[in-house]
Amino acid sequence: MRKSNIKIEPATMAYAREFYGDQYTKSFKGYAALLNDKVVGIAGLSFEDKQMMLFSDMKEELRPYKKDIVRSIHIIGDMVEKTNYPIMAIASNTEKASERLLTYLGFAHNGYETPGGKIFWRIP
C-alpha cells in the first residue's frame, strides 16, 4: 500500500491566504489538506451574512488522493455534527458529487438555488 503524502491539519488564516490568495479575510474554523507542505484543500465553517456556512475547495493535485478526501469528509462531518447551529451550504454545479456529499452529511435541499448551485440546510 502506498503511503499518502497528504497531511490534514487545523486550518489557519495563513493556510487560507495561501489557498485563496491574500484577499481572504473571513473568520472560519476548519481544516487544510497539505501535500508536501503546500495547501491543496481547505474546508470548514464560516459566518457569512449572519449565516453559518459550510465550505470546501480543493485543487486538482488533491483529487488522486481518494482515501484522504474521504478521511477529510469524515473530519468535516464530525465538525458539522458537533455544531448546534443551523448551517447552510451550496452544492456546487461544478462538483458532481456535492449534492450527494451534503445529503450524506445530513443536509437537505430547501428548494432554492443560486447561480452556483442548489442551497442546502442542516438544522440540528
N, C-alpha and C. Protein backbone atom coordinates (compact mmCIF):
# COMPACT_ATOMS: atom_id res chain seq x y z
N MET A 1 0.84 -1.18 0.00
CA MET A 1 0.00 0.00 0.00
C MET A 1 0.89 1.25 0.00
N ARG A 2 0.52 2.19 -0.82
CA ARG A 2 1.27 3.43 -0.94
C ARG A 2 0.97 4.36 0.24
N LYS A 3 2.00 4.93 0.83
CA LYS A 3 1.81 5.87 1.93
C LYS A 3 1.42 7.23 1.35
N SER A 4 0.42 7.83 1.95
CA SER A 4 -0.06 9.12 1.47
C SER A 4 0.88 10.24 1.92
N ASN A 5 1.01 11.22 1.07
CA ASN A 5 1.79 12.42 1.40
C ASN A 5 0.89 13.54 1.91
N ILE A 6 -0.40 13.26 2.07
CA ILE A 6 -1.36 14.28 2.49
C ILE A 6 -1.40 14.35 4.01
N LYS A 7 -1.27 15.57 4.53
CA LYS A 7 -1.45 15.82 5.96
C LYS A 7 -2.71 16.68 6.10
N ILE A 8 -3.54 16.36 7.07
CA ILE A 8 -4.73 17.16 7.36
C ILE A 8 -4.50 17.81 8.71
N GLU A 9 -4.52 19.15 8.70
CA GLU A 9 -4.23 19.92 9.90
C GLU A 9 -5.31 20.97 10.12
N PRO A 10 -5.47 21.43 11.37
CA PRO A 10 -6.39 22.55 11.59
C PRO A 10 -5.96 23.73 10.72
N ALA A 11 -6.93 24.33 10.07
CA ALA A 11 -6.63 25.44 9.16
C ALA A 11 -6.30 26.71 9.93
N THR A 12 -5.43 27.48 9.38
CA THR A 12 -5.08 28.79 9.92
C THR A 12 -5.37 29.84 8.85
N MET A 13 -5.35 31.10 9.25
CA MET A 13 -5.54 32.16 8.28
C MET A 13 -4.41 32.14 7.25
N ALA A 14 -3.22 31.76 7.66
CA ALA A 14 -2.10 31.67 6.71
C ALA A 14 -2.38 30.61 5.65
N TYR A 15 -2.94 29.46 6.05
CA TYR A 15 -3.31 28.44 5.08
C TYR A 15 -4.38 28.96 4.12
N ALA A 16 -5.38 29.66 4.67
CA ALA A 16 -6.45 30.20 3.82
C ALA A 16 -5.91 31.21 2.82
N ARG A 17 -5.00 32.05 3.26
CA ARG A 17 -4.41 33.03 2.33
C ARG A 17 -3.55 32.35 1.27
N GLU A 18 -2.84 31.30 1.67
CA GLU A 18 -2.05 30.56 0.68
C GLU A 18 -2.97 29.94 -0.37
N PHE A 19 -4.10 29.40 0.07
CA PHE A 19 -5.01 28.72 -0.84
C PHE A 19 -5.82 29.69 -1.69
N TYR A 20 -6.42 30.70 -1.07
CA TYR A 20 -7.32 31.62 -1.77
C TYR A 20 -6.67 32.91 -2.24
N GLY A 21 -5.51 33.23 -1.69
CA GLY A 21 -4.87 34.50 -2.00
C GLY A 21 -4.97 35.45 -0.84
N ASP A 22 -4.26 36.55 -0.93
CA ASP A 22 -4.19 37.50 0.17
C ASP A 22 -5.49 38.20 0.48
N GLN A 23 -6.47 38.16 -0.42
CA GLN A 23 -7.72 38.86 -0.17
C GLN A 23 -8.61 38.13 0.83
N TYR A 24 -8.27 36.91 1.24
CA TYR A 24 -9.12 36.14 2.14
C TYR A 24 -9.10 36.77 3.53
N THR A 25 -10.27 37.18 4.03
CA THR A 25 -10.34 37.84 5.34
C THR A 25 -11.44 37.27 6.24
N LYS A 26 -12.19 36.29 5.78
CA LYS A 26 -13.29 35.75 6.58
C LYS A 26 -12.76 34.95 7.76
N SER A 27 -13.49 35.03 8.86
CA SER A 27 -13.17 34.22 10.01
C SER A 27 -13.81 32.84 9.82
N PHE A 28 -13.08 31.79 10.13
CA PHE A 28 -13.60 30.44 9.93
C PHE A 28 -12.90 29.48 10.87
N LYS A 29 -13.47 28.29 10.94
CA LYS A 29 -12.87 27.19 11.67
C LYS A 29 -12.90 26.00 10.73
N GLY A 30 -11.78 25.34 10.54
CA GLY A 30 -11.78 24.22 9.61
C GLY A 30 -10.45 23.51 9.54
N TYR A 31 -10.24 22.83 8.42
CA TYR A 31 -9.06 22.01 8.22
C TYR A 31 -8.47 22.25 6.83
N ALA A 32 -7.18 22.05 6.73
CA ALA A 32 -6.48 22.19 5.47
C ALA A 32 -5.79 20.86 5.13
N ALA A 33 -5.79 20.53 3.86
CA ALA A 33 -5.06 19.35 3.36
C ALA A 33 -3.77 19.87 2.74
N LEU A 34 -2.66 19.29 3.17
CA LEU A 34 -1.35 19.72 2.67
C LEU A 34 -0.66 18.57 1.95
N LEU A 35 -0.14 18.87 0.79
CA LEU A 35 0.66 17.93 0.01
C LEU A 35 2.05 18.51 -0.10
N ASN A 36 3.02 17.84 0.53
CA ASN A 36 4.39 18.36 0.57
C ASN A 36 4.42 19.80 1.09
N ASP A 37 3.66 20.05 2.15
CA ASP A 37 3.56 21.34 2.83
C ASP A 37 2.92 22.45 1.99
N LYS A 38 2.25 22.10 0.91
CA LYS A 38 1.50 23.06 0.10
C LYS A 38 0.01 22.80 0.31
N VAL A 39 -0.77 23.85 0.55
CA VAL A 39 -2.20 23.70 0.79
C VAL A 39 -2.89 23.35 -0.53
N VAL A 40 -3.53 22.16 -0.56
CA VAL A 40 -4.22 21.70 -1.76
C VAL A 40 -5.73 21.54 -1.54
N GLY A 41 -6.16 21.74 -0.30
CA GLY A 41 -7.59 21.66 0.01
C GLY A 41 -7.87 22.35 1.32
N ILE A 42 -9.09 22.87 1.43
CA ILE A 42 -9.49 23.54 2.66
C ILE A 42 -10.99 23.41 2.82
N ALA A 43 -11.43 23.21 4.05
CA ALA A 43 -12.87 23.06 4.32
C ALA A 43 -13.14 23.49 5.75
N GLY A 44 -14.39 23.90 5.99
CA GLY A 44 -14.75 24.28 7.34
C GLY A 44 -16.05 25.04 7.40
N LEU A 45 -16.21 25.78 8.48
CA LEU A 45 -17.41 26.57 8.74
C LEU A 45 -17.02 28.03 8.90
N SER A 46 -17.79 28.91 8.25
CA SER A 46 -17.56 30.34 8.38
C SER A 46 -18.89 31.03 8.56
N PHE A 47 -18.84 32.26 9.08
CA PHE A 47 -20.05 33.07 9.15
C PHE A 47 -20.05 34.02 7.97
N GLU A 48 -21.14 33.99 7.22
CA GLU A 48 -21.32 34.89 6.07
C GLU A 48 -22.72 35.46 6.14
N ASP A 49 -22.82 36.78 6.23
CA ASP A 49 -24.12 37.46 6.32
C ASP A 49 -24.98 36.86 7.43
N LYS A 50 -24.41 36.68 8.60
CA LYS A 50 -25.11 36.17 9.80
C LYS A 50 -25.57 34.72 9.66
N GLN A 51 -25.08 34.00 8.68
CA GLN A 51 -25.40 32.58 8.48
C GLN A 51 -24.12 31.77 8.61
N MET A 52 -24.22 30.62 9.26
CA MET A 52 -23.09 29.71 9.29
C MET A 52 -23.07 28.96 7.97
N MET A 53 -21.91 28.90 7.35
CA MET A 53 -21.78 28.34 6.01
C MET A 53 -20.71 27.25 6.00
N LEU A 54 -21.06 26.10 5.44
CA LEU A 54 -20.08 25.04 5.22
C LEU A 54 -19.43 25.29 3.87
N PHE A 55 -18.11 25.21 3.81
CA PHE A 55 -17.42 25.42 2.54
C PHE A 55 -16.32 24.37 2.39
N SER A 56 -15.97 24.08 1.17
CA SER A 56 -14.82 23.22 0.88
C SER A 56 -14.36 23.48 -0.54
N ASP A 57 -13.07 23.46 -0.71
CA ASP A 57 -12.46 23.64 -2.02
C ASP A 57 -11.21 22.79 -2.09
N MET A 58 -10.92 22.28 -3.28
CA MET A 58 -9.68 21.53 -3.44
C MET A 58 -9.07 21.83 -4.80
N LYS A 59 -7.76 21.70 -4.85
CA LYS A 59 -7.03 21.86 -6.09
C LYS A 59 -6.90 20.50 -6.77
N GLU A 60 -6.61 20.53 -8.03
CA GLU A 60 -6.51 19.29 -8.81
C GLU A 60 -5.48 18.32 -8.24
N GLU A 61 -4.44 18.82 -7.60
CA GLU A 61 -3.40 17.95 -7.04
C GLU A 61 -3.95 17.01 -5.97
N LEU A 62 -5.05 17.38 -5.33
CA LEU A 62 -5.62 16.55 -4.26
C LEU A 62 -6.51 15.43 -4.80
N ARG A 63 -7.08 15.59 -5.97
CA ARG A 63 -8.08 14.65 -6.49
C ARG A 63 -7.62 13.19 -6.56
N PRO A 64 -6.37 12.88 -6.87
CA PRO A 64 -5.97 11.46 -6.90
C PRO A 64 -5.95 10.79 -5.52
N TYR A 65 -5.99 11.54 -4.46
CA TYR A 65 -5.89 11.00 -3.10
C TYR A 65 -7.28 10.75 -2.52
N LYS A 66 -7.98 9.77 -3.08
CA LYS A 66 -9.37 9.49 -2.71
C LYS A 66 -9.52 9.13 -1.22
N LYS A 67 -8.63 8.32 -0.69
CA LYS A 67 -8.74 7.94 0.72
C LYS A 67 -8.60 9.16 1.63
N ASP A 68 -7.73 10.07 1.27
CA ASP A 68 -7.55 11.27 2.07
C ASP A 68 -8.75 12.20 1.95
N ILE A 69 -9.36 12.23 0.79
CA ILE A 69 -10.58 13.02 0.61
C ILE A 69 -11.68 12.46 1.49
N VAL A 70 -11.83 11.15 1.51
CA VAL A 70 -12.84 10.52 2.37
C VAL A 70 -12.53 10.79 3.84
N ARG A 71 -11.28 10.70 4.21
CA ARG A 71 -10.88 11.00 5.60
C ARG A 71 -11.24 12.44 5.95
N SER A 72 -11.03 13.36 5.02
CA SER A 72 -11.38 14.77 5.23
C SER A 72 -12.88 14.94 5.40
N ILE A 73 -13.66 14.21 4.61
CA ILE A 73 -15.12 14.28 4.71
C ILE A 73 -15.57 13.86 6.10
N HIS A 74 -14.96 12.82 6.64
CA HIS A 74 -15.32 12.36 7.99
C HIS A 74 -14.95 13.40 9.06
N ILE A 75 -13.82 14.04 8.88
CA ILE A 75 -13.39 15.07 9.84
C ILE A 75 -14.36 16.25 9.80
N ILE A 76 -14.72 16.71 8.62
CA ILE A 76 -15.67 17.82 8.49
C ILE A 76 -17.05 17.38 8.96
N GLY A 77 -17.42 16.14 8.69
CA GLY A 77 -18.70 15.61 9.17
C GLY A 77 -18.80 15.66 10.68
N ASP A 78 -17.71 15.31 11.37
CA ASP A 78 -17.69 15.40 12.83
C ASP A 78 -17.86 16.85 13.29
N MET A 79 -17.21 17.77 12.58
CA MET A 79 -17.33 19.18 12.92
C MET A 79 -18.78 19.66 12.75
N VAL A 80 -19.41 19.25 11.67
CA VAL A 80 -20.81 19.62 11.41
C VAL A 80 -21.71 19.02 12.46
N GLU A 81 -21.49 17.77 12.78
CA GLU A 81 -22.32 17.05 13.76
C GLU A 81 -22.26 17.72 15.14
N LYS A 82 -21.11 18.25 15.52
CA LYS A 82 -20.94 18.87 16.83
C LYS A 82 -21.44 20.32 16.87
N THR A 83 -21.86 20.85 15.75
CA THR A 83 -22.32 22.24 15.69
C THR A 83 -23.81 22.30 15.97
N ASN A 84 -24.16 23.03 17.00
CA ASN A 84 -25.56 23.16 17.39
C ASN A 84 -26.10 24.49 16.87
N TYR A 85 -26.03 24.66 15.55
CA TYR A 85 -26.45 25.90 14.91
C TYR A 85 -26.83 25.55 13.47
N PRO A 86 -27.85 26.18 12.90
CA PRO A 86 -28.19 25.88 11.51
C PRO A 86 -27.02 26.22 10.57
N ILE A 87 -26.78 25.32 9.64
CA ILE A 87 -25.67 25.50 8.69
C ILE A 87 -26.22 25.47 7.27
N MET A 88 -25.76 26.42 6.47
CA MET A 88 -26.14 26.48 5.06
C MET A 88 -24.95 26.02 4.21
N ALA A 89 -25.24 25.42 3.06
CA ALA A 89 -24.20 25.02 2.12
C ALA A 89 -24.77 25.13 0.71
N ILE A 90 -23.91 25.38 -0.24
CA ILE A 90 -24.33 25.42 -1.64
C ILE A 90 -23.65 24.27 -2.36
N ALA A 91 -24.47 23.41 -2.96
CA ALA A 91 -23.95 22.28 -3.73
C ALA A 91 -23.44 22.83 -5.06
N SER A 92 -22.17 22.79 -5.26
CA SER A 92 -21.54 23.37 -6.44
C SER A 92 -22.01 22.70 -7.73
N ASN A 93 -22.34 23.52 -8.71
CA ASN A 93 -22.70 22.99 -10.03
C ASN A 93 -21.52 22.30 -10.72
N THR A 94 -20.31 22.64 -10.31
CA THR A 94 -19.12 22.08 -10.97
C THR A 94 -18.58 20.82 -10.29
N GLU A 95 -19.09 20.48 -9.11
CA GLU A 95 -18.67 19.26 -8.41
C GLU A 95 -19.83 18.28 -8.46
N LYS A 96 -19.73 17.24 -9.26
CA LYS A 96 -20.86 16.34 -9.47
C LYS A 96 -21.31 15.60 -8.22
N ALA A 97 -20.42 15.38 -7.26
CA ALA A 97 -20.79 14.63 -6.05
C ALA A 97 -21.22 15.55 -4.90
N SER A 98 -21.26 16.85 -5.10
CA SER A 98 -21.51 17.74 -3.96
C SER A 98 -22.90 17.56 -3.34
N GLU A 99 -23.94 17.36 -4.14
CA GLU A 99 -25.28 17.16 -3.58
C GLU A 99 -25.33 15.87 -2.75
N ARG A 100 -24.75 14.81 -3.27
CA ARG A 100 -24.72 13.53 -2.57
C ARG A 100 -23.92 13.65 -1.26
N LEU A 101 -22.82 14.37 -1.30
CA LEU A 101 -22.00 14.57 -0.11
C LEU A 101 -22.76 15.36 0.95
N LEU A 102 -23.44 16.43 0.55
CA LEU A 102 -24.20 17.23 1.52
C LEU A 102 -25.33 16.40 2.14
N THR A 103 -25.99 15.59 1.33
CA THR A 103 -27.04 14.72 1.86
C THR A 103 -26.45 13.73 2.86
N TYR A 104 -25.29 13.17 2.55
CA TYR A 104 -24.60 12.26 3.46
C TYR A 104 -24.29 12.94 4.80
N LEU A 105 -23.97 14.24 4.76
CA LEU A 105 -23.64 14.99 5.97
C LEU A 105 -24.88 15.49 6.72
N GLY A 106 -26.07 15.13 6.23
CA GLY A 106 -27.30 15.49 6.94
C GLY A 106 -27.97 16.76 6.47
N PHE A 107 -27.54 17.28 5.34
CA PHE A 107 -28.15 18.49 4.77
C PHE A 107 -29.32 18.11 3.88
N ALA A 108 -30.26 19.04 3.73
CA ALA A 108 -31.42 18.83 2.86
C ALA A 108 -31.58 20.04 1.96
N HIS A 109 -31.93 19.78 0.71
CA HIS A 109 -32.17 20.85 -0.25
C HIS A 109 -33.43 21.60 0.15
N ASN A 110 -33.37 22.93 0.14
CA ASN A 110 -34.53 23.71 0.58
C ASN A 110 -35.39 24.21 -0.58
N GLY A 111 -35.07 23.81 -1.80
CA GLY A 111 -35.87 24.21 -2.95
C GLY A 111 -35.36 25.45 -3.66
N TYR A 112 -34.35 26.10 -3.10
CA TYR A 112 -33.82 27.32 -3.72
C TYR A 112 -32.46 27.05 -4.34
N GLU A 113 -32.10 27.92 -5.28
CA GLU A 113 -30.82 27.80 -5.96
C GLU A 113 -30.16 29.16 -6.08
N THR A 114 -28.85 29.14 -6.23
CA THR A 114 -28.07 30.32 -6.58
C THR A 114 -27.48 30.03 -7.95
N PRO A 115 -26.88 31.01 -8.59
CA PRO A 115 -26.21 30.70 -9.86
C PRO A 115 -25.13 29.63 -9.74
N GLY A 116 -24.56 29.47 -8.52
CA GLY A 116 -23.51 28.48 -8.30
C GLY A 116 -24.00 27.08 -7.98
N GLY A 117 -25.27 26.96 -7.57
CA GLY A 117 -25.80 25.64 -7.23
C GLY A 117 -26.97 25.71 -6.28
N LYS A 118 -27.47 24.53 -5.91
CA LYS A 118 -28.61 24.41 -5.01
C LYS A 118 -28.22 24.71 -3.57
N ILE A 119 -29.17 25.31 -2.83
CA ILE A 119 -28.94 25.65 -1.43
C ILE A 119 -29.42 24.50 -0.54
N PHE A 120 -28.58 24.09 0.38
CA PHE A 120 -28.89 23.03 1.34
C PHE A 120 -28.77 23.59 2.76
N TRP A 121 -29.57 23.02 3.67
CA TRP A 121 -29.52 23.40 5.08
C TRP A 121 -29.40 22.16 5.94
N ARG A 122 -28.75 22.34 7.06
CA ARG A 122 -28.73 21.31 8.11
C ARG A 122 -29.14 22.00 9.39
N ILE A 123 -30.27 21.58 9.93
CA ILE A 123 -30.78 22.14 11.16
C ILE A 123 -30.60 21.09 12.27
N PRO A 124 -29.88 21.45 13.34
CA PRO A 124 -29.64 20.45 14.40
C PRO A 124 -30.92 20.07 15.13
